[in-house]
């Protein structure tokens, strides 16, 4: 069965994120104001944002937090009961490769994000691409998705996943600014 690609520009945001931001002393009202989102954003029953709003939200978190590692910390959720269905399915996969493929398939079906998984021998390359993006992905968001995927891999393999290398491109090191940013992490599978 082939997965159908989503064409709408809509991401679901977990209400648990408000709790995580509070735990890390990130003032939610400041983040929402800076991102141009309504004050009652996290009080909605279902929270959806466009790619532009998602990027503004994560950029605001990076600008508001005093912790340069906030994205890395938010990406590593230690409490299994807070995991979303995608993460639970990935943790319960046969292998890290299978977990990556499940996450990629889910993302392709539910939001304008593609997770490209390339494997060769005992190595996997993972790239995150936001198909509706008109700007470069915020650095804090890059940190979040990379630490999230690594945390899932480590949880599902009892800590046996270790990145072989990490290839990140940060804006300050670029001369040209592409419309969509790709970031990769490599790990043994």
N, C-alpha and C. Protein backbone atom coordinates (compact mmCIF):
# COMPACT_ATOMS: atom_id res chain seq x y z
N UNK A 1 0.84 -1.18 0.00
CA UNK A 1 0.00 0.00 0.00
C UNK A 1 0.89 1.25 0.00
N UNK A 2 0.62 2.17 -0.89
CA UNK A 2 1.40 3.40 -1.02
C UNK A 2 0.74 4.52 -0.23
N UNK A 3 1.57 5.25 0.50
CA UNK A 3 1.05 6.37 1.29
C UNK A 3 0.74 7.55 0.38
N UNK A 4 -0.40 8.20 0.63
CA UNK A 4 -0.78 9.38 -0.11
C UNK A 4 -0.14 10.59 0.54
N UNK A 5 0.35 11.49 -0.28
CA UNK A 5 1.00 12.69 0.23
C UNK A 5 -0.03 13.74 0.62
N UNK A 6 0.15 14.37 1.76
CA UNK A 6 -0.73 15.43 2.25
C UNK A 6 -0.41 16.73 1.52
N UNK A 7 -1.43 17.46 1.11
CA UNK A 7 -1.19 18.73 0.43
C UNK A 7 -1.60 19.93 1.27
N UNK A 8 -2.33 19.71 2.37
CA UNK A 8 -2.72 20.85 3.21
C UNK A 8 -1.53 21.31 4.04
N UNK A 9 -1.59 22.56 4.43
CA UNK A 9 -0.52 23.15 5.24
C UNK A 9 -0.99 23.21 6.68
N UNK A 10 -0.95 22.05 7.37
CA UNK A 10 -1.49 21.97 8.72
C UNK A 10 -0.70 20.97 9.56
N UNK A 11 -0.23 21.44 10.71
CA UNK A 11 0.47 20.61 11.69
C UNK A 11 -0.33 20.57 12.98
N UNK A 12 -0.38 19.44 13.62
CA UNK A 12 -1.02 19.32 14.93
C UNK A 12 0.04 19.60 16.00
N UNK A 13 -0.31 20.40 16.99
CA UNK A 13 0.58 20.72 18.10
C UNK A 13 0.00 20.08 19.35
N UNK A 14 0.81 19.38 20.09
CA UNK A 14 0.37 18.72 21.32
C UNK A 14 0.21 19.75 22.45
N UNK A 15 -0.88 19.64 23.20
CA UNK A 15 -1.08 20.53 24.34
C UNK A 15 -0.07 20.23 25.45
N UNK A 16 0.55 19.07 25.43
CA UNK A 16 1.58 18.71 26.41
C UNK A 16 2.79 19.64 26.29
N UNK A 17 2.95 20.24 25.13
CA UNK A 17 4.08 21.14 24.91
C UNK A 17 4.05 22.33 25.88
N UNK A 18 2.86 22.79 26.24
CA UNK A 18 2.75 23.89 27.20
C UNK A 18 3.34 23.48 28.54
N UNK A 19 3.07 22.26 28.96
CA UNK A 19 3.62 21.75 30.21
C UNK A 19 5.13 21.65 30.12
N UNK A 20 5.63 21.14 28.99
CA UNK A 20 7.08 20.99 28.80
C UNK A 20 7.78 22.36 28.82
N UNK A 21 7.17 23.35 28.18
CA UNK A 21 7.76 24.69 28.18
C UNK A 21 7.80 25.25 29.60
N UNK A 22 6.73 25.08 30.35
CA UNK A 22 6.69 25.55 31.74
C UNK A 22 7.76 24.84 32.58
N UNK A 23 7.91 23.54 32.38
CA UNK A 23 8.93 22.79 33.13
C UNK A 23 10.34 23.32 32.86
N UNK A 24 10.55 23.86 31.68
CA UNK A 24 11.86 24.40 31.31
C UNK A 24 11.92 25.92 31.49
N UNK A 25 10.95 26.46 32.20
CA UNK A 25 10.92 27.89 32.55
C UNK A 25 10.90 28.81 31.33
N UNK A 26 10.20 28.37 30.28
CA UNK A 26 10.02 29.21 29.09
C UNK A 26 8.64 29.85 29.23
N UNK A 27 8.58 31.17 29.30
CA UNK A 27 7.29 31.85 29.50
C UNK A 27 6.38 31.71 28.27
N UNK A 28 5.32 30.96 28.43
CA UNK A 28 4.42 30.65 27.31
C UNK A 28 3.78 31.90 26.73
N UNK A 29 3.34 32.81 27.58
CA UNK A 29 2.68 34.03 27.06
C UNK A 29 3.64 34.84 26.20
N UNK A 30 4.90 34.91 26.57
CA UNK A 30 5.90 35.63 25.77
C UNK A 30 6.14 34.94 24.43
N UNK A 31 6.20 33.61 24.46
CA UNK A 31 6.40 32.84 23.23
C UNK A 31 5.23 33.09 22.28
N UNK A 32 4.01 32.97 22.79
CA UNK A 32 2.83 33.14 21.94
C UNK A 32 2.74 34.56 21.37
N UNK A 33 3.03 35.55 22.19
CA UNK A 33 3.00 36.94 21.74
C UNK A 33 4.04 37.16 20.64
N UNK A 34 5.25 36.69 20.89
CA UNK A 34 6.35 36.86 19.93
C UNK A 34 6.06 36.12 18.61
N UNK A 35 5.39 34.98 18.70
CA UNK A 35 5.06 34.18 17.51
C UNK A 35 3.81 34.69 16.79
N UNK A 36 3.09 35.65 17.40
CA UNK A 36 1.87 36.17 16.79
C UNK A 36 0.70 35.20 16.90
N UNK A 37 0.72 34.35 17.93
CA UNK A 37 -0.35 33.38 18.15
C UNK A 37 -1.26 33.87 19.29
N UNK A 38 -2.52 33.46 19.31
CA UNK A 38 -3.45 33.94 20.33
C UNK A 38 -3.07 33.47 21.74
N UNK A 39 -3.44 34.26 22.72
CA UNK A 39 -3.12 33.95 24.12
C UNK A 39 -3.73 32.61 24.55
N UNK A 40 -4.88 32.24 24.00
CA UNK A 40 -5.54 30.98 24.35
C UNK A 40 -5.13 29.81 23.47
N UNK A 41 -4.01 29.93 22.84
CA UNK A 41 -3.52 28.91 21.89
C UNK A 41 -3.56 27.50 22.47
N UNK A 42 -3.05 27.30 23.67
CA UNK A 42 -2.98 25.97 24.26
C UNK A 42 -4.29 25.54 24.94
N UNK A 43 -5.29 26.41 24.98
CA UNK A 43 -6.57 26.04 25.56
C UNK A 43 -7.51 25.40 24.52
N UNK A 44 -7.11 25.37 23.27
CA UNK A 44 -7.93 24.78 22.22
C UNK A 44 -8.00 23.26 22.40
N UNK A 45 -9.13 22.68 22.01
CA UNK A 45 -9.27 21.22 22.10
C UNK A 45 -8.29 20.53 21.15
N UNK A 46 -8.22 21.02 19.93
CA UNK A 46 -7.27 20.52 18.94
C UNK A 46 -6.50 21.72 18.42
N UNK A 47 -5.18 21.61 18.45
CA UNK A 47 -4.34 22.74 18.07
C UNK A 47 -3.68 22.46 16.73
N UNK A 48 -3.97 23.31 15.75
CA UNK A 48 -3.37 23.18 14.43
C UNK A 48 -2.72 24.50 14.03
N UNK A 49 -1.60 24.40 13.33
CA UNK A 49 -0.90 25.58 12.82
C UNK A 49 -0.42 25.33 11.40
N UNK A 50 -0.17 26.41 10.69
CA UNK A 50 0.43 26.31 9.36
C UNK A 50 1.95 26.17 9.53
N UNK A 51 2.64 25.91 8.45
CA UNK A 51 4.10 25.82 8.51
C UNK A 51 4.69 27.14 8.99
N UNK A 52 4.19 28.26 8.46
CA UNK A 52 4.70 29.58 8.87
C UNK A 52 4.48 29.81 10.36
N UNK A 53 3.30 29.44 10.88
CA UNK A 53 3.02 29.60 12.31
C UNK A 53 3.89 28.67 13.15
N UNK A 54 4.10 27.45 12.67
CA UNK A 54 4.96 26.50 13.38
C UNK A 54 6.38 27.03 13.48
N UNK A 55 6.90 27.54 12.38
CA UNK A 55 8.25 28.10 12.38
C UNK A 55 8.33 29.33 13.30
N UNK A 56 7.30 30.19 13.27
CA UNK A 56 7.28 31.37 14.14
C UNK A 56 7.25 30.95 15.60
N UNK A 57 6.47 29.93 15.90
CA UNK A 57 6.37 29.41 17.26
C UNK A 57 7.73 28.91 17.76
N UNK A 58 8.40 28.08 16.96
CA UNK A 58 9.70 27.54 17.40
C UNK A 58 10.79 28.62 17.42
N UNK A 59 10.72 29.56 16.51
CA UNK A 59 11.68 30.67 16.53
C UNK A 59 11.48 31.48 17.82
N UNK A 60 10.22 31.70 18.20
CA UNK A 60 9.91 32.44 19.42
C UNK A 60 10.41 31.70 20.66
N UNK A 61 10.31 30.39 20.67
CA UNK A 61 10.84 29.60 21.79
C UNK A 61 12.35 29.81 21.90
N UNK A 62 13.04 29.74 20.77
CA UNK A 62 14.48 29.94 20.77
C UNK A 62 14.88 31.33 21.23
N UNK A 63 14.09 32.33 20.84
CA UNK A 63 14.39 33.72 21.21
C UNK A 63 14.01 34.04 22.65
N UNK A 64 13.01 33.35 23.17
CA UNK A 64 12.51 33.63 24.51
C UNK A 64 13.25 32.86 25.60
N UNK A 65 13.63 31.64 25.28
CA UNK A 65 14.34 30.82 26.26
C UNK A 65 15.76 31.34 26.47
N UNK A 66 16.22 31.23 27.69
CA UNK A 66 17.59 31.63 28.00
C UNK A 66 18.54 30.44 27.88
N UNK A 67 18.00 29.29 27.48
CA UNK A 67 18.79 28.06 27.38
C UNK A 67 19.08 27.76 25.91
N UNK A 68 20.34 27.84 25.48
CA UNK A 68 20.66 27.56 24.07
C UNK A 68 20.39 26.11 23.67
N UNK A 69 20.20 25.22 24.63
CA UNK A 69 19.94 23.81 24.34
C UNK A 69 18.46 23.46 24.50
N UNK A 70 17.58 24.46 24.50
CA UNK A 70 16.16 24.21 24.75
C UNK A 70 15.55 23.23 23.74
N UNK A 71 15.91 23.32 22.47
CA UNK A 71 15.39 22.39 21.47
C UNK A 71 15.80 20.97 21.75
N UNK A 72 17.06 20.77 22.13
CA UNK A 72 17.56 19.44 22.46
C UNK A 72 16.82 18.87 23.66
N UNK A 73 16.57 19.70 24.65
CA UNK A 73 15.89 19.25 25.87
C UNK A 73 14.43 18.93 25.61
N UNK A 74 13.75 19.74 24.81
CA UNK A 74 12.34 19.49 24.52
C UNK A 74 12.16 18.25 23.65
N UNK A 75 13.17 17.90 22.88
CA UNK A 75 13.09 16.72 22.01
C UNK A 75 13.26 15.41 22.74
N UNK A 76 13.76 15.46 23.95
CA UNK A 76 13.97 14.22 24.70
C UNK A 76 12.96 14.14 25.84
N UNK A 77 11.87 13.48 25.59
CA UNK A 77 10.82 13.31 26.60
C UNK A 77 11.09 12.02 27.38
N UNK A 78 11.41 12.13 28.66
CA UNK A 78 11.72 10.93 29.44
C UNK A 78 10.47 10.15 29.89
N UNK A 79 9.32 10.80 29.90
CA UNK A 79 8.10 10.15 30.40
C UNK A 79 7.32 9.52 29.26
N UNK A 80 7.30 8.20 29.23
CA UNK A 80 6.66 7.45 28.15
C UNK A 80 5.17 7.78 28.02
N UNK A 81 4.51 8.08 29.14
CA UNK A 81 3.08 8.37 29.09
C UNK A 81 2.76 9.66 28.34
N UNK A 82 3.77 10.48 28.08
CA UNK A 82 3.57 11.71 27.30
C UNK A 82 3.83 11.51 25.81
N UNK A 83 4.29 10.34 25.43
CA UNK A 83 4.58 10.08 24.02
C UNK A 83 3.31 10.14 23.20
N UNK A 84 3.43 10.67 21.99
CA UNK A 84 2.32 10.65 21.05
C UNK A 84 2.28 9.28 20.39
N UNK A 85 1.18 8.97 19.73
CA UNK A 85 1.00 7.65 19.11
C UNK A 85 2.14 7.30 18.15
N UNK A 86 2.62 8.28 17.41
CA UNK A 86 3.71 8.06 16.46
C UNK A 86 4.95 7.54 17.17
N UNK A 87 5.31 8.18 18.26
CA UNK A 87 6.50 7.79 19.01
C UNK A 87 6.33 6.42 19.64
N UNK A 88 5.15 6.13 20.15
CA UNK A 88 4.90 4.82 20.76
C UNK A 88 5.03 3.72 19.70
N UNK A 89 4.45 3.94 18.53
CA UNK A 89 4.57 2.96 17.44
C UNK A 89 6.03 2.77 17.04
N UNK A 90 6.78 3.86 17.00
CA UNK A 90 8.19 3.77 16.62
C UNK A 90 9.00 3.01 17.67
N UNK A 91 8.76 3.29 18.94
CA UNK A 91 9.49 2.61 20.01
C UNK A 91 9.21 1.11 20.00
N UNK A 92 8.01 0.74 19.59
CA UNK A 92 7.62 -0.68 19.56
C UNK A 92 7.99 -1.38 18.25
N UNK A 93 8.75 -0.74 17.41
CA UNK A 93 9.13 -1.32 16.11
C UNK A 93 10.20 -2.40 16.29
N UNK A 94 10.34 -3.24 15.25
CA UNK A 94 11.33 -4.32 15.25
C UNK A 94 12.76 -3.81 15.31
N UNK A 95 12.99 -2.67 14.64
CA UNK A 95 14.34 -2.13 14.55
C UNK A 95 14.26 -0.61 14.41
N UNK A 96 15.39 0.04 14.53
CA UNK A 96 15.43 1.50 14.35
C UNK A 96 15.06 1.85 12.92
N UNK A 97 15.49 1.05 11.97
CA UNK A 97 15.13 1.28 10.57
C UNK A 97 13.62 1.25 10.39
N UNK A 98 12.96 0.25 10.98
CA UNK A 98 11.51 0.13 10.90
C UNK A 98 10.84 1.33 11.59
N UNK A 99 11.39 1.76 12.71
CA UNK A 99 10.84 2.91 13.43
C UNK A 99 10.90 4.17 12.56
N UNK A 100 12.04 4.39 11.91
CA UNK A 100 12.20 5.55 11.03
C UNK A 100 11.19 5.51 9.89
N UNK A 101 11.00 4.34 9.32
CA UNK A 101 10.05 4.20 8.20
C UNK A 101 8.61 4.45 8.66
N UNK A 102 8.28 3.98 9.85
CA UNK A 102 6.93 4.22 10.39
C UNK A 102 6.68 5.72 10.61
N UNK A 103 7.65 6.39 11.19
CA UNK A 103 7.52 7.82 11.44
C UNK A 103 7.39 8.57 10.11
N UNK A 104 8.22 8.21 9.15
CA UNK A 104 8.19 8.87 7.83
C UNK A 104 6.83 8.68 7.17
N UNK A 105 6.29 7.47 7.23
CA UNK A 105 4.99 7.19 6.63
C UNK A 105 3.89 7.99 7.32
N UNK A 106 3.93 8.04 8.64
CA UNK A 106 2.93 8.80 9.40
C UNK A 106 2.97 10.28 9.04
N UNK A 107 4.17 10.85 9.01
CA UNK A 107 4.32 12.28 8.69
C UNK A 107 3.80 12.57 7.29
N UNK A 108 4.11 11.69 6.36
CA UNK A 108 3.66 11.89 4.98
C UNK A 108 2.14 11.92 4.88
N UNK A 109 1.47 11.16 5.73
CA UNK A 109 0.01 11.09 5.72
C UNK A 109 -0.68 12.21 6.48
N UNK A 110 0.01 12.81 7.44
CA UNK A 110 -0.69 13.72 8.35
C UNK A 110 -0.29 15.18 8.28
N UNK A 111 0.83 15.51 7.68
CA UNK A 111 1.26 16.92 7.67
C UNK A 111 2.23 17.17 6.51
N UNK A 112 2.48 18.44 6.19
CA UNK A 112 3.38 18.76 5.08
C UNK A 112 4.86 18.68 5.49
N UNK A 113 5.22 17.53 6.02
CA UNK A 113 6.61 17.27 6.42
C UNK A 113 7.01 15.93 5.83
N UNK A 114 8.19 15.89 5.29
CA UNK A 114 8.71 14.63 4.78
C UNK A 114 9.94 14.26 5.58
N UNK A 115 9.97 13.02 6.00
CA UNK A 115 11.16 12.48 6.64
C UNK A 115 11.70 11.47 5.65
N UNK A 116 12.82 11.79 5.09
CA UNK A 116 13.45 10.92 4.10
C UNK A 116 14.47 10.04 4.79
N UNK A 117 14.26 8.74 4.67
CA UNK A 117 15.16 7.78 5.29
C UNK A 117 15.89 7.04 4.18
N UNK A 118 17.19 7.14 4.20
CA UNK A 118 18.03 6.41 3.23
C UNK A 118 18.91 5.46 4.03
N UNK A 119 18.91 4.21 3.63
CA UNK A 119 19.74 3.23 4.33
C UNK A 119 20.72 2.58 3.37
N UNK A 120 21.88 2.27 3.90
CA UNK A 120 22.86 1.49 3.17
C UNK A 120 23.71 0.75 4.20
N UNK A 121 23.84 -0.54 3.99
CA UNK A 121 24.55 -1.40 4.94
C UNK A 121 23.99 -1.21 6.34
N UNK A 122 24.79 -0.78 7.29
CA UNK A 122 24.31 -0.62 8.66
C UNK A 122 24.20 0.85 9.05
N UNK A 123 23.92 1.73 8.07
CA UNK A 123 23.82 3.16 8.32
C UNK A 123 22.52 3.70 7.75
N UNK A 124 21.92 4.64 8.47
CA UNK A 124 20.70 5.30 7.99
C UNK A 124 20.94 6.80 8.00
N UNK A 125 20.43 7.46 6.98
CA UNK A 125 20.46 8.91 6.90
C UNK A 125 19.02 9.38 7.01
N UNK A 126 18.78 10.37 7.86
CA UNK A 126 17.43 10.88 8.07
C UNK A 126 17.43 12.37 7.76
N UNK A 127 16.54 12.79 6.85
CA UNK A 127 16.42 14.20 6.49
C UNK A 127 14.98 14.64 6.75
N UNK A 128 14.84 15.82 7.31
CA UNK A 128 13.53 16.41 7.60
C UNK A 128 13.32 17.57 6.65
N UNK A 129 12.22 17.55 5.90
CA UNK A 129 11.91 18.60 4.95
C UNK A 129 10.47 19.05 5.15
N UNK A 130 10.27 20.35 5.19
CA UNK A 130 8.93 20.93 5.36
C UNK A 130 8.49 21.44 3.99
N UNK A 131 7.55 20.74 3.39
CA UNK A 131 7.21 20.95 1.98
C UNK A 131 6.53 22.29 1.69
N UNK A 132 5.91 22.90 2.68
CA UNK A 132 5.24 24.19 2.48
C UNK A 132 6.08 25.37 2.98
N UNK A 133 7.30 25.10 3.39
CA UNK A 133 8.14 26.15 3.98
C UNK A 133 8.55 27.19 2.96
N UNK A 134 8.48 28.45 3.38
CA UNK A 134 8.94 29.56 2.55
C UNK A 134 10.16 30.22 3.17
N UNK A 135 10.63 29.65 4.26
CA UNK A 135 11.81 30.16 4.96
C UNK A 135 12.56 28.98 5.55
N UNK A 136 13.73 29.25 6.06
CA UNK A 136 14.55 28.21 6.66
C UNK A 136 14.02 27.83 8.03
N UNK A 137 14.06 26.56 8.33
CA UNK A 137 13.60 26.03 9.60
C UNK A 137 14.41 26.63 10.75
N UNK A 138 13.74 27.07 11.84
CA UNK A 138 14.46 27.62 12.99
C UNK A 138 15.42 26.60 13.61
N UNK A 139 16.58 27.07 14.04
CA UNK A 139 17.59 26.18 14.62
C UNK A 139 17.05 25.37 15.80
N UNK A 140 16.25 26.00 16.66
CA UNK A 140 15.73 25.29 17.82
C UNK A 140 14.83 24.12 17.39
N UNK A 141 14.15 24.26 16.27
CA UNK A 141 13.30 23.19 15.75
C UNK A 141 14.15 22.06 15.19
N UNK A 142 15.25 22.41 14.54
CA UNK A 142 16.19 21.39 14.04
C UNK A 142 16.70 20.56 15.21
N UNK A 143 17.12 21.26 16.27
CA UNK A 143 17.61 20.56 17.46
C UNK A 143 16.55 19.63 18.03
N UNK A 144 15.31 20.12 18.08
CA UNK A 144 14.20 19.34 18.62
C UNK A 144 13.98 18.05 17.83
N UNK A 145 13.85 18.14 16.51
CA UNK A 145 13.52 16.93 15.74
C UNK A 145 14.67 15.93 15.75
N UNK A 146 15.88 16.42 15.75
CA UNK A 146 17.02 15.49 15.79
C UNK A 146 17.12 14.79 17.15
N UNK A 147 16.94 15.53 18.22
CA UNK A 147 17.00 14.88 19.54
C UNK A 147 15.80 13.97 19.75
N UNK A 148 14.65 14.34 19.18
CA UNK A 148 13.44 13.51 19.29
C UNK A 148 13.65 12.17 18.61
N UNK A 149 14.16 12.17 17.39
CA UNK A 149 14.35 10.92 16.65
C UNK A 149 15.41 10.06 17.33
N UNK A 150 16.44 10.68 17.86
CA UNK A 150 17.48 9.95 18.57
C UNK A 150 16.94 9.37 19.88
N UNK A 151 16.13 10.15 20.59
CA UNK A 151 15.55 9.66 21.86
C UNK A 151 14.64 8.46 21.61
N UNK A 152 13.87 8.49 20.55
CA UNK A 152 13.01 7.36 20.21
C UNK A 152 13.87 6.14 19.90
N UNK A 153 14.92 6.34 19.12
CA UNK A 153 15.82 5.23 18.79
C UNK A 153 16.47 4.64 20.02
N UNK A 154 16.91 5.49 20.90
CA UNK A 154 17.57 5.00 22.13
C UNK A 154 16.58 4.28 23.04
N UNK A 155 15.37 4.81 23.15
CA UNK A 155 14.37 4.17 24.02
C UNK A 155 13.98 2.81 23.46
N UNK A 156 13.82 2.73 22.15
CA UNK A 156 13.40 1.48 21.52
C UNK A 156 14.48 0.42 21.44
N UNK A 157 15.74 0.82 21.62
CA UNK A 157 16.84 -0.15 21.53
C UNK A 157 17.61 -0.25 22.85
N UNK A 158 17.02 0.20 23.93
CA UNK A 158 17.69 0.21 25.24
C UNK A 158 19.03 0.93 25.18
N UNK A 159 19.07 2.06 24.49
CA UNK A 159 20.27 2.90 24.45
C UNK A 159 21.34 2.47 23.47
N UNK A 160 21.02 1.56 22.56
CA UNK A 160 22.04 1.04 21.66
C UNK A 160 22.25 1.88 20.40
N UNK A 161 21.51 2.96 20.23
CA UNK A 161 21.67 3.83 19.06
C UNK A 161 22.61 4.96 19.42
N UNK A 162 23.66 5.11 18.63
CA UNK A 162 24.61 6.20 18.80
C UNK A 162 24.87 6.80 17.43
N UNK A 163 24.69 8.10 17.27
CA UNK A 163 24.96 8.71 15.97
C UNK A 163 26.41 8.51 15.53
N UNK A 164 26.59 8.16 14.27
CA UNK A 164 27.94 8.05 13.71
C UNK A 164 28.48 9.44 13.43
N UNK A 165 27.59 10.32 12.97
CA UNK A 165 27.95 11.71 12.73
C UNK A 165 26.66 12.52 12.63
N UNK A 166 26.79 13.81 12.76
CA UNK A 166 25.68 14.74 12.68
C UNK A 166 26.05 15.82 11.70
N UNK A 167 25.23 16.01 10.70
CA UNK A 167 25.48 17.05 9.71
C UNK A 167 24.38 18.09 9.83
N UNK A 168 24.74 19.26 10.32
CA UNK A 168 23.80 20.37 10.50
C UNK A 168 24.31 21.57 9.73
N UNK A 169 23.41 22.29 9.13
CA UNK A 169 23.77 23.54 8.48
C UNK A 169 23.03 24.64 9.21
N UNK A 170 23.77 25.52 9.81
CA UNK A 170 23.17 26.64 10.53
C UNK A 170 23.23 27.88 9.65
N UNK A 171 22.26 28.75 9.84
CA UNK A 171 22.14 29.95 9.01
C UNK A 171 23.39 30.82 9.02
N UNK A 172 24.03 30.99 10.15
CA UNK A 172 25.18 31.88 10.21
C UNK A 172 26.36 31.40 9.39
N UNK A 173 26.34 30.13 9.00
CA UNK A 173 27.44 29.57 8.22
C UNK A 173 27.12 29.50 6.74
N UNK A 174 25.96 30.00 6.34
CA UNK A 174 25.52 29.93 4.95
C UNK A 174 25.73 31.25 4.25
N UNK A 175 26.00 31.17 2.96
CA UNK A 175 26.05 32.39 2.14
C UNK A 175 24.71 32.58 1.44
N UNK A 176 24.16 31.51 0.91
CA UNK A 176 22.86 31.57 0.24
C UNK A 176 21.81 30.99 1.18
N UNK A 177 20.60 31.50 1.13
CA UNK A 177 19.53 31.02 1.98
C UNK A 177 18.52 30.24 1.16
N UNK A 178 18.52 28.89 1.27
CA UNK A 178 17.53 28.10 0.54
C UNK A 178 16.14 28.28 1.15
N UNK A 179 15.11 28.03 0.36
CA UNK A 179 13.74 28.18 0.84
C UNK A 179 13.38 27.11 1.86
N UNK A 180 13.91 25.91 1.69
CA UNK A 180 13.61 24.81 2.60
C UNK A 180 14.92 24.28 3.12
N UNK A 181 14.96 24.03 4.41
CA UNK A 181 16.19 23.57 5.05
C UNK A 181 16.16 22.06 5.25
N UNK A 182 17.24 21.36 4.93
CA UNK A 182 17.37 19.93 5.16
C UNK A 182 18.45 19.71 6.21
N UNK A 183 18.20 18.83 7.12
CA UNK A 183 19.15 18.50 8.17
C UNK A 183 19.22 17.00 8.27
N UNK A 184 20.39 16.45 8.52
CA UNK A 184 20.56 15.01 8.54
C UNK A 184 21.20 14.55 9.83
N UNK A 185 20.86 13.32 10.20
CA UNK A 185 21.54 12.63 11.29
C UNK A 185 21.77 11.21 10.82
N UNK A 186 22.94 10.68 11.09
CA UNK A 186 23.27 9.33 10.68
C UNK A 186 23.45 8.48 11.92
N UNK A 187 22.97 7.25 11.85
CA UNK A 187 23.14 6.33 12.97
C UNK A 187 23.17 4.92 12.46
N UNK A 188 23.76 4.03 13.23
CA UNK A 188 23.75 2.61 12.91
C UNK A 188 22.32 2.09 13.04
N UNK A 189 21.93 1.22 12.13
CA UNK A 189 20.59 0.63 12.21
C UNK A 189 20.68 -0.87 12.32
